[in-house]
Amino acid sequence: MIAVAGSTEFAWPGHASSGLWVLLIWLIPVLVTMRANFIEVLARELAGRRELSEMRQKVEDLERKLIQARASLDASEAKAQGSQRRLAEATAYISRLEKELLTAKAASTSSAGHLLFRRVGLDRDCPKWVAECVRREYRKRLHPDTKAPPYKSEAERRFKEAEQVFEQVWLIREF
């Protein structure tokens, strides 16, 4: 169809109908809108992928930190167990020493036995030569003639008291 002046129909040369032309004019805005929607969807998809990638990176970082924290916890638990073991050993050692101390105290009071021996610093089972040496030393230190006049009376009292104790020790031990 050829365009004729005054005619209401318009046709392109070489086209049989104008319906194709209308379809084309209607289809272009639809395609443009579809393209815009596609670009928007694609942009959202890319943003989602970026977010997903960032989230994955955060998860990997958190997993690394978790592994480090677990290793630190294991090391701390090992130290704590070692400390608890050393504490238990120290407690057992202290307990053993306390028992030994009680045993030693009991032995010292029972071996010293008589209060009389303790008053002059002797053990109940001491040999005679030790008792003689201790008696001589007491005599040297407590003899009233070696003291100044104001202290003579006190020295004489202490000297006589020590001599009485040694006499009783000699009687008990049968020296």
N, C-alpha and C. Protein backbone atom coordinates (compact mmCIF):
# COMPACT_ATOMS: atom_id res chain seq x y z
N MET A 1 0.84 -1.15 0.00
CA MET A 1 0.00 0.00 0.00
C MET A 1 0.89 1.23 0.00
N ILE A 2 0.47 2.18 -0.74
CA ILE A 2 1.23 3.41 -0.92
C ILE A 2 0.44 4.52 -0.29
N ALA A 3 1.16 5.43 0.31
CA ALA A 3 0.48 6.51 1.00
C ALA A 3 -0.11 7.46 -0.01
N VAL A 4 -1.34 7.73 0.22
CA VAL A 4 -2.06 8.63 -0.67
C VAL A 4 -2.55 9.78 0.17
N ALA A 5 -2.50 10.92 -0.36
CA ALA A 5 -2.95 12.08 0.37
C ALA A 5 -4.42 11.98 0.62
N GLY A 6 -4.83 12.32 1.87
CA GLY A 6 -6.22 12.27 2.24
C GLY A 6 -6.64 10.90 2.72
N SER A 7 -5.80 9.98 2.71
CA SER A 7 -6.14 8.63 3.16
C SER A 7 -5.91 8.56 4.67
N THR A 8 -6.71 7.81 5.41
CA THR A 8 -6.57 7.68 6.86
C THR A 8 -5.58 6.58 7.23
N GLU A 9 -5.33 5.72 6.37
CA GLU A 9 -4.38 4.65 6.67
C GLU A 9 -2.99 5.05 6.24
N PHE A 10 -2.07 4.70 7.08
CA PHE A 10 -0.69 4.95 6.72
C PHE A 10 0.02 3.62 6.67
N ALA A 11 0.83 3.41 5.69
CA ALA A 11 1.56 2.16 5.58
C ALA A 11 2.95 2.45 5.08
N TRP A 12 3.86 1.71 5.55
CA TRP A 12 5.23 1.81 5.07
C TRP A 12 5.32 1.12 3.75
N PRO A 13 6.16 1.67 2.94
CA PRO A 13 6.29 0.99 1.67
C PRO A 13 6.90 -0.40 1.88
N GLY A 14 6.39 -1.37 1.33
CA GLY A 14 6.87 -2.74 1.40
C GLY A 14 6.21 -3.53 2.51
N HIS A 15 5.35 -2.92 3.31
CA HIS A 15 4.65 -3.66 4.37
C HIS A 15 3.23 -3.85 3.97
N ALA A 16 2.79 -5.01 4.31
CA ALA A 16 1.44 -5.34 3.91
C ALA A 16 0.42 -4.77 4.87
N SER A 17 0.74 -4.65 6.16
CA SER A 17 -0.28 -4.15 7.06
C SER A 17 0.34 -3.22 8.08
N SER A 18 -0.46 -2.39 8.61
CA SER A 18 0.01 -1.44 9.60
C SER A 18 -0.06 -2.03 11.00
N GLY A 19 -0.64 -3.22 11.15
CA GLY A 19 -0.75 -3.87 12.46
C GLY A 19 0.61 -4.21 13.05
N LEU A 20 1.51 -4.51 12.16
CA LEU A 20 2.87 -4.82 12.59
C LEU A 20 3.51 -3.57 13.18
N TRP A 21 3.21 -2.48 12.57
CA TRP A 21 3.75 -1.21 13.04
C TRP A 21 3.22 -0.90 14.43
N VAL A 22 2.00 -1.11 14.67
CA VAL A 22 1.39 -0.86 15.98
C VAL A 22 2.01 -1.80 17.02
N LEU A 23 2.21 -3.01 16.66
CA LEU A 23 2.80 -3.97 17.56
C LEU A 23 4.21 -3.54 17.95
N LEU A 24 4.94 -3.05 17.00
CA LEU A 24 6.29 -2.60 17.23
C LEU A 24 6.29 -1.39 18.15
N ILE A 25 5.41 -0.44 17.93
CA ILE A 25 5.35 0.76 18.76
C ILE A 25 4.93 0.38 20.19
N TRP A 26 4.05 -0.57 20.32
CA TRP A 26 3.62 -1.00 21.65
C TRP A 26 4.71 -1.81 22.34
N LEU A 27 5.47 -2.60 21.61
CA LEU A 27 6.46 -3.51 22.17
C LEU A 27 7.70 -2.79 22.66
N ILE A 28 8.10 -1.69 22.08
CA ILE A 28 9.33 -0.98 22.47
C ILE A 28 9.26 -0.50 23.92
N PRO A 29 8.22 0.21 24.36
CA PRO A 29 8.19 0.62 25.77
C PRO A 29 8.14 -0.57 26.73
N VAL A 30 7.47 -1.64 26.33
CA VAL A 30 7.40 -2.83 27.18
C VAL A 30 8.79 -3.43 27.32
N LEU A 31 9.52 -3.51 26.21
CA LEU A 31 10.87 -4.06 26.26
C LEU A 31 11.79 -3.17 27.09
N VAL A 32 11.63 -1.88 26.96
CA VAL A 32 12.46 -0.94 27.74
C VAL A 32 12.16 -1.13 29.23
N THR A 33 10.89 -1.26 29.59
CA THR A 33 10.50 -1.47 30.99
C THR A 33 11.04 -2.82 31.48
N MET A 34 10.92 -3.85 30.65
CA MET A 34 11.44 -5.16 31.03
C MET A 34 12.94 -5.12 31.22
N ARG A 35 13.62 -4.36 30.35
CA ARG A 35 15.07 -4.22 30.47
C ARG A 35 15.42 -3.53 31.78
N ALA A 36 14.72 -2.48 32.12
CA ALA A 36 14.97 -1.76 33.37
C ALA A 36 14.72 -2.68 34.56
N ASN A 37 13.63 -3.44 34.51
CA ASN A 37 13.34 -4.38 35.60
C ASN A 37 14.42 -5.45 35.70
N PHE A 38 14.89 -5.93 34.56
CA PHE A 38 15.94 -6.94 34.53
C PHE A 38 17.23 -6.39 35.14
N ILE A 39 17.56 -5.15 34.78
CA ILE A 39 18.77 -4.53 35.32
C ILE A 39 18.64 -4.36 36.83
N GLU A 40 17.47 -3.97 37.28
CA GLU A 40 17.23 -3.80 38.72
C GLU A 40 17.35 -5.15 39.45
N VAL A 41 16.76 -6.19 38.87
CA VAL A 41 16.85 -7.52 39.48
C VAL A 41 18.30 -8.00 39.49
N LEU A 42 18.99 -7.75 38.39
CA LEU A 42 20.40 -8.13 38.30
C LEU A 42 21.23 -7.38 39.34
N ALA A 43 20.96 -6.10 39.53
CA ALA A 43 21.68 -5.30 40.53
C ALA A 43 21.41 -5.85 41.94
N ARG A 44 20.14 -6.18 42.23
CA ARG A 44 19.82 -6.76 43.53
C ARG A 44 20.53 -8.10 43.73
N GLU A 45 20.58 -8.89 42.68
CA GLU A 45 21.25 -10.19 42.74
C GLU A 45 22.74 -10.01 43.02
N LEU A 46 23.36 -9.03 42.34
CA LEU A 46 24.78 -8.78 42.57
C LEU A 46 25.02 -8.27 43.99
N ALA A 47 24.14 -7.38 44.46
CA ALA A 47 24.26 -6.88 45.83
C ALA A 47 24.10 -8.03 46.82
N GLY A 48 23.15 -8.92 46.55
CA GLY A 48 22.95 -10.08 47.41
C GLY A 48 24.16 -10.99 47.42
N ARG A 49 24.77 -11.15 46.26
CA ARG A 49 25.98 -11.98 46.19
C ARG A 49 27.13 -11.33 46.96
N ARG A 50 27.24 -10.00 46.84
CA ARG A 50 28.27 -9.27 47.59
C ARG A 50 28.03 -9.44 49.09
N GLU A 51 26.80 -9.29 49.51
CA GLU A 51 26.44 -9.48 50.91
C GLU A 51 26.75 -10.90 51.36
N LEU A 52 26.40 -11.85 50.50
CA LEU A 52 26.66 -13.25 50.81
C LEU A 52 28.16 -13.49 50.94
N SER A 53 28.93 -12.91 50.06
CA SER A 53 30.38 -13.04 50.11
C SER A 53 30.93 -12.43 51.40
N GLU A 54 30.42 -11.25 51.76
CA GLU A 54 30.85 -10.61 53.00
C GLU A 54 30.47 -11.45 54.21
N MET A 55 29.28 -12.02 54.19
CA MET A 55 28.83 -12.86 55.29
C MET A 55 29.71 -14.11 55.40
N ARG A 56 30.04 -14.70 54.26
CA ARG A 56 30.92 -15.87 54.27
C ARG A 56 32.28 -15.52 54.86
N GLN A 57 32.79 -14.34 54.50
CA GLN A 57 34.08 -13.89 55.03
C GLN A 57 33.99 -13.70 56.54
N LYS A 58 32.89 -13.13 57.02
CA LYS A 58 32.70 -12.96 58.46
C LYS A 58 32.61 -14.30 59.16
N VAL A 59 31.92 -15.26 58.54
CA VAL A 59 31.81 -16.60 59.13
C VAL A 59 33.19 -17.24 59.22
N GLU A 60 33.99 -17.12 58.18
CA GLU A 60 35.34 -17.68 58.19
C GLU A 60 36.18 -17.03 59.28
N ASP A 61 36.08 -15.70 59.42
CA ASP A 61 36.81 -15.00 60.48
C ASP A 61 36.37 -15.48 61.86
N LEU A 62 35.08 -15.62 62.05
CA LEU A 62 34.56 -16.09 63.34
C LEU A 62 34.99 -17.52 63.62
N GLU A 63 35.03 -18.37 62.59
CA GLU A 63 35.49 -19.74 62.78
C GLU A 63 36.95 -19.77 63.18
N ARG A 64 37.78 -18.91 62.55
CA ARG A 64 39.19 -18.81 62.92
C ARG A 64 39.34 -18.36 64.37
N LYS A 65 38.56 -17.36 64.75
CA LYS A 65 38.62 -16.87 66.13
C LYS A 65 38.16 -17.95 67.11
N LEU A 66 37.15 -18.72 66.72
CA LEU A 66 36.66 -19.80 67.57
C LEU A 66 37.74 -20.85 67.77
N ILE A 67 38.46 -21.19 66.72
CA ILE A 67 39.54 -22.18 66.82
C ILE A 67 40.63 -21.66 67.75
N GLN A 68 40.97 -20.37 67.62
CA GLN A 68 41.98 -19.78 68.49
C GLN A 68 41.51 -19.77 69.94
N ALA A 69 40.25 -19.44 70.15
CA ALA A 69 39.70 -19.41 71.51
C ALA A 69 39.71 -20.81 72.13
N ARG A 70 39.36 -21.82 71.32
CA ARG A 70 39.39 -23.19 71.83
C ARG A 70 40.81 -23.62 72.19
N ALA A 71 41.77 -23.24 71.36
CA ALA A 71 43.17 -23.57 71.65
C ALA A 71 43.62 -22.88 72.95
N SER A 72 43.23 -21.62 73.11
CA SER A 72 43.57 -20.89 74.32
C SER A 72 42.91 -21.52 75.54
N LEU A 73 41.67 -21.94 75.39
CA LEU A 73 40.95 -22.61 76.48
C LEU A 73 41.63 -23.91 76.85
N ASP A 74 42.03 -24.69 75.84
CA ASP A 74 42.71 -25.95 76.12
C ASP A 74 44.01 -25.71 76.87
N ALA A 75 44.76 -24.69 76.44
CA ALA A 75 46.02 -24.37 77.12
C ALA A 75 45.76 -23.93 78.56
N SER A 76 44.74 -23.13 78.76
CA SER A 76 44.39 -22.68 80.12
C SER A 76 43.96 -23.84 81.00
N GLU A 77 43.17 -24.75 80.43
CA GLU A 77 42.74 -25.92 81.19
C GLU A 77 43.94 -26.79 81.57
N ALA A 78 44.89 -26.93 80.65
CA ALA A 78 46.09 -27.72 80.95
C ALA A 78 46.88 -27.06 82.08
N LYS A 79 47.01 -25.73 82.04
CA LYS A 79 47.71 -25.02 83.11
C LYS A 79 46.98 -25.20 84.43
N ALA A 80 45.65 -25.10 84.38
CA ALA A 80 44.85 -25.24 85.60
C ALA A 80 45.01 -26.64 86.19
N GLN A 81 45.02 -27.65 85.33
CA GLN A 81 45.19 -29.02 85.82
C GLN A 81 46.57 -29.18 86.45
N GLY A 82 47.59 -28.60 85.81
CA GLY A 82 48.94 -28.66 86.37
C GLY A 82 49.01 -27.96 87.72
N SER A 83 48.35 -26.81 87.81
CA SER A 83 48.33 -26.07 89.07
C SER A 83 47.58 -26.85 90.15
N GLN A 84 46.48 -27.46 89.77
CA GLN A 84 45.73 -28.25 90.74
C GLN A 84 46.55 -29.45 91.22
N ARG A 85 47.27 -30.06 90.30
CA ARG A 85 48.12 -31.19 90.68
C ARG A 85 49.21 -30.73 91.64
N ARG A 86 49.87 -29.59 91.32
CA ARG A 86 50.92 -29.08 92.21
C ARG A 86 50.35 -28.67 93.56
N LEU A 87 49.14 -28.11 93.55
CA LEU A 87 48.49 -27.74 94.81
C LEU A 87 48.20 -28.98 95.65
N ALA A 88 47.71 -30.02 95.01
CA ALA A 88 47.44 -31.27 95.74
C ALA A 88 48.74 -31.85 96.31
N GLU A 89 49.82 -31.81 95.53
CA GLU A 89 51.10 -32.30 96.01
C GLU A 89 51.59 -31.47 97.20
N ALA A 90 51.46 -30.14 97.08
CA ALA A 90 51.90 -29.26 98.16
C ALA A 90 51.06 -29.49 99.42
N THR A 91 49.76 -29.68 99.24
CA THR A 91 48.89 -29.95 100.39
C THR A 91 49.27 -31.26 101.06
N ALA A 92 49.55 -32.27 100.27
CA ALA A 92 49.96 -33.56 100.83
C ALA A 92 51.31 -33.42 101.56
N TYR A 93 52.22 -32.64 100.98
CA TYR A 93 53.53 -32.43 101.60
C TYR A 93 53.38 -31.69 102.93
N ILE A 94 52.52 -30.67 102.95
CA ILE A 94 52.28 -29.91 104.18
C ILE A 94 51.66 -30.82 105.24
N SER A 95 50.72 -31.63 104.83
CA SER A 95 50.08 -32.56 105.76
C SER A 95 51.11 -33.52 106.35
N ARG A 96 51.99 -34.03 105.49
CA ARG A 96 53.04 -34.95 105.96
C ARG A 96 53.98 -34.26 106.95
N LEU A 97 54.33 -33.00 106.64
CA LEU A 97 55.22 -32.25 107.54
C LEU A 97 54.54 -31.96 108.88
N GLU A 98 53.23 -31.65 108.83
CA GLU A 98 52.51 -31.41 110.08
C GLU A 98 52.48 -32.66 110.94
N LYS A 99 52.27 -33.82 110.31
CA LYS A 99 52.29 -35.08 111.06
C LYS A 99 53.67 -35.33 111.67
N GLU A 100 54.72 -35.07 110.88
CA GLU A 100 56.08 -35.24 111.39
C GLU A 100 56.35 -34.29 112.56
N LEU A 101 55.83 -33.07 112.45
CA LEU A 101 56.02 -32.10 113.53
C LEU A 101 55.32 -32.57 114.80
N LEU A 102 54.09 -33.06 114.65
CA LEU A 102 53.38 -33.56 115.82
C LEU A 102 54.10 -34.76 116.44
N THR A 103 54.61 -35.63 115.56
CA THR A 103 55.36 -36.78 116.05
C THR A 103 56.62 -36.34 116.79
N ALA A 104 57.31 -35.35 116.21
CA ALA A 104 58.54 -34.85 116.84
C ALA A 104 58.23 -34.18 118.17
N LYS A 105 57.12 -33.42 118.23
CA LYS A 105 56.75 -32.78 119.50
C LYS A 105 56.42 -33.83 120.56
N ALA A 106 55.67 -34.84 120.13
CA ALA A 106 55.32 -35.89 121.07
C ALA A 106 56.57 -36.63 121.54
N ALA A 107 57.48 -36.88 120.63
CA ALA A 107 58.71 -37.58 120.99
C ALA A 107 59.56 -36.72 121.92
N SER A 108 59.61 -35.41 121.66
CA SER A 108 60.45 -34.55 122.49
C SER A 108 59.89 -34.44 123.90
N THR A 109 58.58 -34.38 124.04
CA THR A 109 58.01 -34.30 125.38
C THR A 109 58.10 -35.63 126.11
N SER A 110 57.97 -36.72 125.37
CA SER A 110 58.03 -38.01 126.05
C SER A 110 59.47 -38.40 126.35
N SER A 111 60.42 -38.04 125.45
CA SER A 111 61.81 -38.42 125.71
C SER A 111 62.42 -37.53 126.77
N ALA A 112 62.00 -36.27 126.80
CA ALA A 112 62.49 -35.41 127.86
C ALA A 112 61.90 -35.90 129.17
N GLY A 113 60.73 -36.48 129.04
CA GLY A 113 60.10 -37.15 130.17
C GLY A 113 59.85 -36.25 131.35
N HIS A 114 60.67 -36.33 132.25
CA HIS A 114 60.52 -35.67 133.53
C HIS A 114 60.73 -34.17 133.39
N LEU A 115 59.88 -33.39 134.07
CA LEU A 115 60.04 -31.93 134.05
C LEU A 115 61.36 -31.52 134.67
N LEU A 116 61.81 -32.31 135.55
CA LEU A 116 63.06 -32.02 136.24
C LEU A 116 64.23 -31.92 135.25
N PHE A 117 64.28 -32.83 134.30
CA PHE A 117 65.36 -32.83 133.31
C PHE A 117 65.26 -31.58 132.43
N ARG A 118 64.02 -31.23 132.10
CA ARG A 118 63.85 -30.06 131.22
C ARG A 118 64.24 -28.76 131.92
N ARG A 119 64.12 -28.70 133.23
CA ARG A 119 64.46 -27.46 133.94
C ARG A 119 65.93 -27.11 133.81
N VAL A 120 66.78 -28.12 133.64
CA VAL A 120 68.21 -27.85 133.47
C VAL A 120 68.70 -28.14 132.06
N GLY A 121 67.77 -28.38 131.13
CA GLY A 121 68.12 -28.54 129.73
C GLY A 121 68.70 -29.90 129.37
N LEU A 122 68.34 -30.92 130.10
CA LEU A 122 68.86 -32.25 129.82
C LEU A 122 67.76 -33.15 129.26
N ASP A 123 68.20 -34.17 128.54
CA ASP A 123 67.29 -35.21 128.07
C ASP A 123 67.32 -36.33 129.10
N ARG A 124 66.23 -37.03 129.23
CA ARG A 124 66.13 -38.09 130.22
C ARG A 124 67.18 -39.19 129.98
N ASP A 125 67.53 -39.40 128.71
CA ASP A 125 68.47 -40.47 128.38
C ASP A 125 69.88 -39.97 128.06
N CYS A 126 70.23 -38.78 128.52
CA CYS A 126 71.55 -38.24 128.17
C CYS A 126 72.64 -39.03 128.91
N PRO A 127 73.82 -39.12 128.30
CA PRO A 127 74.93 -39.82 128.98
C PRO A 127 75.44 -39.01 130.18
N LYS A 128 76.18 -39.68 131.02
CA LYS A 128 76.67 -39.05 132.25
C LYS A 128 77.60 -37.89 131.95
N TRP A 129 78.48 -38.01 130.97
CA TRP A 129 79.43 -36.95 130.68
C TRP A 129 78.73 -35.67 130.23
N VAL A 130 77.56 -35.80 129.53
CA VAL A 130 76.81 -34.61 129.12
C VAL A 130 76.21 -33.94 130.36
N ALA A 131 75.66 -34.73 131.26
CA ALA A 131 75.08 -34.19 132.48
C ALA A 131 76.14 -33.48 133.32
N GLU A 132 77.34 -34.08 133.40
CA GLU A 132 78.44 -33.45 134.16
C GLU A 132 78.85 -32.12 133.54
N CYS A 133 78.95 -32.07 132.20
CA CYS A 133 79.34 -30.82 131.52
C CYS A 133 78.29 -29.74 131.75
N VAL A 134 77.02 -30.11 131.68
CA VAL A 134 75.95 -29.13 131.88
C VAL A 134 75.98 -28.62 133.33
N ARG A 135 76.22 -29.53 134.27
CA ARG A 135 76.28 -29.11 135.69
C ARG A 135 77.42 -28.14 135.93
N ARG A 136 78.60 -28.44 135.35
CA ARG A 136 79.75 -27.55 135.50
C ARG A 136 79.44 -26.16 134.92
N GLU A 137 78.81 -26.13 133.75
CA GLU A 137 78.49 -24.85 133.11
C GLU A 137 77.49 -24.05 133.96
N TYR A 138 76.47 -24.74 134.51
CA TYR A 138 75.52 -24.07 135.40
C TYR A 138 76.25 -23.47 136.60
N ARG A 139 77.19 -24.23 137.18
CA ARG A 139 77.93 -23.74 138.35
C ARG A 139 78.74 -22.49 138.00
N LYS A 140 79.39 -22.50 136.83
CA LYS A 140 80.19 -21.34 136.41
C LYS A 140 79.31 -20.10 136.25
N ARG A 141 78.18 -20.27 135.59
CA ARG A 141 77.34 -19.12 135.27
C ARG A 141 76.51 -18.62 136.46
N LEU A 142 76.12 -19.51 137.35
CA LEU A 142 75.22 -19.11 138.43
C LEU A 142 75.92 -18.89 139.78
N HIS A 143 77.18 -19.17 139.92
CA HIS A 143 77.85 -19.08 141.23
C HIS A 143 77.77 -17.65 141.75
N PRO A 144 77.35 -17.47 143.01
CA PRO A 144 77.16 -16.12 143.56
C PRO A 144 78.45 -15.31 143.70
N ASP A 145 79.61 -15.95 143.82
CA ASP A 145 80.86 -15.21 143.98
C ASP A 145 81.25 -14.46 142.70
N THR A 146 80.67 -14.84 141.53
CA THR A 146 81.00 -14.15 140.28
C THR A 146 80.06 -12.98 140.00
N LYS A 147 79.12 -12.72 140.90
CA LYS A 147 78.13 -11.67 140.65
C LYS A 147 78.44 -10.46 141.51
N ALA A 148 77.92 -9.32 141.10
CA ALA A 148 78.08 -8.07 141.84
C ALA A 148 77.23 -8.15 143.11
N PRO A 149 77.57 -7.38 144.15
CA PRO A 149 76.86 -7.46 145.44
C PRO A 149 75.34 -7.29 145.34
N PRO A 150 74.78 -6.40 144.52
CA PRO A 150 73.32 -6.29 144.52
C PRO A 150 72.64 -7.55 143.95
N TYR A 151 73.36 -8.35 143.16
CA TYR A 151 72.76 -9.52 142.50
C TYR A 151 73.11 -10.84 143.19
N LYS A 152 73.89 -10.77 144.29
CA LYS A 152 74.37 -12.00 144.92
C LYS A 152 73.24 -12.82 145.51
N SER A 153 72.29 -12.19 146.13
CA SER A 153 71.22 -12.96 146.79
C SER A 153 70.40 -13.73 145.74
N GLU A 154 70.07 -13.08 144.64
CA GLU A 154 69.31 -13.76 143.57
C GLU A 154 70.15 -14.86 142.96
N ALA A 155 71.43 -14.62 142.74
CA ALA A 155 72.32 -15.62 142.16
C ALA A 155 72.44 -16.83 143.09
N GLU A 156 72.52 -16.56 144.40
CA GLU A 156 72.63 -17.67 145.36
C GLU A 156 71.37 -18.53 145.35
N ARG A 157 70.20 -17.89 145.27
CA ARG A 157 68.94 -18.63 145.22
C ARG A 157 68.88 -19.52 143.96
N ARG A 158 69.23 -18.95 142.83
CA ARG A 158 69.19 -19.71 141.57
C ARG A 158 70.24 -20.83 141.58
N PHE A 159 71.41 -20.56 142.16
CA PHE A 159 72.48 -21.56 142.22
C PHE A 159 72.03 -22.76 143.05
N LYS A 160 71.44 -22.49 144.22
CA LYS A 160 70.98 -23.57 145.10
C LYS A 160 69.86 -24.36 144.44
N GLU A 161 68.98 -23.67 143.74
CA GLU A 161 67.87 -24.34 143.05
C GLU A 161 68.40 -25.29 141.97
N ALA A 162 69.38 -24.83 141.18
CA ALA A 162 69.97 -25.67 140.12
C ALA A 162 70.69 -26.86 140.73
N GLU A 163 71.39 -26.66 141.87
CA GLU A 163 72.11 -27.76 142.51
C GLU A 163 71.13 -28.82 143.02
N GLN A 164 69.99 -28.38 143.54
CA GLN A 164 68.98 -29.34 143.99
C GLN A 164 68.46 -30.17 142.82
N VAL A 165 68.21 -29.50 141.69
CA VAL A 165 67.71 -30.21 140.50
C VAL A 165 68.74 -31.22 140.04
N PHE A 166 70.02 -30.83 140.00
CA PHE A 166 71.05 -31.78 139.56
C PHE A 166 71.18 -32.95 140.53
N GLU A 167 71.02 -32.71 141.84
CA GLU A 167 71.07 -33.80 142.82
C GLU A 167 69.94 -34.80 142.55
N GLN A 168 68.76 -34.29 142.24
CA GLN A 168 67.62 -35.17 141.96
C GLN A 168 67.85 -35.95 140.66
N VAL A 169 68.45 -35.29 139.66
CA VAL A 169 68.74 -35.97 138.39
C VAL A 169 69.73 -37.11 138.66
N TRP A 170 70.75 -36.84 139.52
CA TRP A 170 71.73 -37.87 139.84
C TRP A 170 71.08 -39.05 140.55
N LEU A 171 70.12 -38.77 141.40
CA LEU A 171 69.42 -39.82 142.10
C LEU A 171 68.56 -40.65 141.14
N ILE A 172 67.84 -39.96 140.23
CA ILE A 172 66.97 -40.66 139.29
C ILE A 172 67.78 -41.50 138.33
N ARG A 173 68.87 -40.94 137.81
CA ARG A 173 69.69 -41.65 136.82
C ARG A 173 70.70 -42.59 137.46
N GLU A 174 70.87 -42.47 138.74
CA GLU A 174 71.80 -43.31 139.51
C GLU A 174 73.24 -43.17 139.00
N PHE A 175 73.65 -41.91 138.80
CA PHE A 175 75.04 -41.66 138.38
C PHE A 175 75.94 -41.81 139.55
